[in-house]
Amino acid sequence: MLKAIAHPVRLCIVKGLLDEEGCNVTKMQNCLNMPQSTISQHLAKLKAAGVVEGRRHGVEIKYYLVNEDVRKILKAIF
């Protein structure tokens, strides 16, 4: 789990989801100034580690921080 959030981009993604739940890739893309494909690759690693979860809302998928241990770690760090 720590390895999954250790990458600077993934750490930024989960920190953003801690601050604002239910974010889509387009909003992350605008915030991080990175290509959508890069963000999607990082989200796939976070989903595989059980850190985030994507939920479909109509035509978009919103991502949520679902791992309580990661939430506690981030609150302690930030």
C-alpha atoms as a PDB file:
ATOM      1  CA  MET A   1       0.000   0.000   0.000  1.00  0.00           C
ATOM      2  CA  LEU A   2       2.788   2.447   0.867  1.00  0.00           C
ATOM      3  CA  LYS A   3       4.549   1.585  -2.372  1.00  0.00           C
ATOM      4  CA  ALA A   4       1.381   2.432  -4.287  1.00  0.00           C
ATOM      5  CA  ILE A   5       1.180   5.951  -2.841  1.00  0.00           C
ATOM      6  CA  ALA A   6       4.957   6.577  -2.773  1.00  0.00           C
ATOM      7  CA  HIS A   7       5.128   7.895  -6.352  1.00  0.00           C
ATOM      8  CA  PRO A   8       4.801  11.724  -6.381  1.00  0.00           C
ATOM      9  CA  VAL A   9       1.970  11.723  -8.937  1.00  0.00           C
ATOM     10  CA  ARG A  10      -0.019   9.050  -7.077  1.00  0.00           C
ATOM     11  CA  LEU A  11       0.563  10.848  -3.788  1.00  0.00           C
ATOM     12  CA  CYS A  12      -0.796  14.021  -5.373  1.00  0.00           C
ATOM     13  CA  ILE A  13      -3.829  12.119  -6.696  1.00  0.00           C
ATOM     14  CA  VAL A  14      -4.718  10.582  -3.329  1.00  0.00           C
ATOM     15  CA  LYS A  15      -4.090  13.900  -1.528  1.00  0.00           C
ATOM     16  CA  GLY A  16      -6.482  15.548  -3.977  1.00  0.00           C
ATOM     17  CA  LEU A  17      -9.074  12.831  -3.364  1.00  0.00           C
ATOM     18  CA  LEU A  18      -8.660  13.294   0.382  1.00  0.00           C
ATOM     19  CA  ASP A  19      -9.455  16.994  -0.041  1.00  0.00           C
ATOM     20  CA  GLU A  20     -12.236  16.534  -2.600  1.00  0.00           C
ATOM     21  CA  GLU A  21     -14.000  13.176  -2.918  1.00  0.00           C
ATOM     22  CA  GLY A  22     -15.557  12.215  -6.224  1.00  0.00           C
ATOM     23  CA  CYS A  23     -13.113  13.628  -8.730  1.00  0.00           C
ATOM     24  CA  ASN A  24     -12.995  12.604 -12.398  1.00  0.00           C
ATOM     25  CA  VAL A  25      -9.902  12.190 -14.587  1.00  0.00           C
ATOM     26  CA  THR A  26     -10.519  15.429 -16.495  1.00  0.00           C
ATOM     27  CA  LYS A  27     -10.427  17.468 -13.294  1.00  0.00           C
ATOM     28  CA  MET A  28      -7.259  15.662 -12.178  1.00  0.00           C
ATOM     29  CA  GLN A  29      -5.745  16.286 -15.606  1.00  0.00           C
ATOM     30  CA  ASN A  30      -6.393  20.033 -15.341  1.00  0.00           C
ATOM     31  CA  CYS A  31      -5.080  20.156 -11.785  1.00  0.00           C
ATOM     32  CA  LEU A  32      -1.905  18.143 -12.417  1.00  0.00           C
ATOM     33  CA  ASN A  33      -1.178  19.402 -15.971  1.00  0.00           C
ATOM     34  CA  MET A  34      -0.534  15.857 -17.181  1.00  0.00           C
ATOM     35  CA  PRO A  35      -1.934  13.787 -20.030  1.00  0.00           C
ATOM     36  CA  GLN A  36      -5.080  11.820 -19.282  1.00  0.00           C
ATOM     37  CA  SER A  37      -3.338   8.563 -20.169  1.00  0.00           C
ATOM     38  CA  THR A  38      -0.661   9.154 -17.513  1.00  0.00           C
ATOM     39  CA  ILE A  39      -3.251   9.835 -14.827  1.00  0.00           C
ATOM     40  CA  SER A  40      -5.254   6.782 -15.890  1.00  0.00           C
ATOM     41  CA  GLN A  41      -2.156   4.579 -15.551  1.00  0.00           C
ATOM     42  CA  HIS A  42      -1.526   5.870 -12.035  1.00  0.00           C
ATOM     43  CA  LEU A  43      -5.191   5.419 -11.111  1.00  0.00           C
ATOM     44  CA  ALA A  44      -5.014   1.815 -12.333  1.00  0.00           C
ATOM     45  CA  LYS A  45      -2.132   1.137  -9.926  1.00  0.00           C
ATOM     46  CA  LEU A  46      -4.008   2.788  -7.069  1.00  0.00           C
ATOM     47  CA  LYS A  47      -7.144   0.739  -7.857  1.00  0.00           C
ATOM     48  CA  ALA A  48      -5.119  -2.487  -8.003  1.00  0.00           C
ATOM     49  CA  ALA A  49      -3.687  -1.698  -4.560  1.00  0.00           C
ATOM     50  CA  GLY A  50      -7.172  -1.067  -3.159  1.00  0.00           C
ATOM     51  CA  VAL A  51      -6.483   2.595  -2.431  1.00  0.00           C
ATOM     52  CA  VAL A  52      -9.086   4.181  -4.728  1.00  0.00           C
ATOM     53  CA  GLU A  53     -12.319   3.079  -6.343  1.00  0.00           C
ATOM     54  CA  GLY A  54     -14.024   4.329  -9.477  1.00  0.00           C
ATOM     55  CA  ARG A  55     -17.801   4.734  -9.490  1.00  0.00           C
ATOM     56  CA  ARG A  56     -19.793   5.458 -12.615  1.00  0.00           C
ATOM     57  CA  HIS A  57     -22.045   8.532 -12.539  1.00  0.00           C
ATOM     58  CA  GLY A  58     -23.806   8.707 -15.888  1.00  0.00           C
ATOM     59  CA  VAL A  59     -21.124   8.944 -18.564  1.00  0.00           C
ATOM     60  CA  GLU A  60     -18.251   9.795 -16.227  1.00  0.00           C
ATOM     61  CA  ILE A  61     -16.337   7.843 -13.623  1.00  0.00           C
ATOM     62  CA  LYS A  62     -15.579   9.557 -10.336  1.00  0.00           C
ATOM     63  CA  TYR A  63     -12.786   8.316  -8.118  1.00  0.00           C
ATOM     64  CA  TYR A  64     -12.919   8.017  -4.351  1.00  0.00           C
ATOM     65  CA  LEU A  65     -10.321   7.309  -1.687  1.00  0.00           C
ATOM     66  CA  VAL A  66     -11.598   4.092  -0.077  1.00  0.00           C
ATOM     67  CA  ASN A  67      -8.670   2.850   2.007  1.00  0.00           C
ATOM     68  CA  GLU A  68      -8.985   4.092   5.579  1.00  0.00           C
ATOM     69  CA  ASP A  69      -5.341   3.316   6.397  1.00  0.00           C
ATOM     70  CA  VAL A  70      -4.185   5.552   3.546  1.00  0.00           C
ATOM     71  CA  ARG A  71      -6.620   8.226   4.700  1.00  0.00           C
ATOM     72  CA  LYS A  72      -5.064   8.125   8.210  1.00  0.00           C
ATOM     73  CA  ILE A  73      -1.526   8.238   6.805  1.00  0.00           C
ATOM     74  CA  LEU A  74      -2.320  11.244   4.623  1.00  0.00           C
ATOM     75  CA  LYS A  75      -3.985  13.106   7.471  1.00  0.00           C
ATOM     76  CA  ALA A  76      -0.899  12.519   9.613  1.00  0.00           C
ATOM     77  CA  ILE A  77       1.433  13.726   6.826  1.00  0.00           C
ATOM     78  CA  PHE A  78      -0.568  16.743   5.705  1.00  0.00           C
END
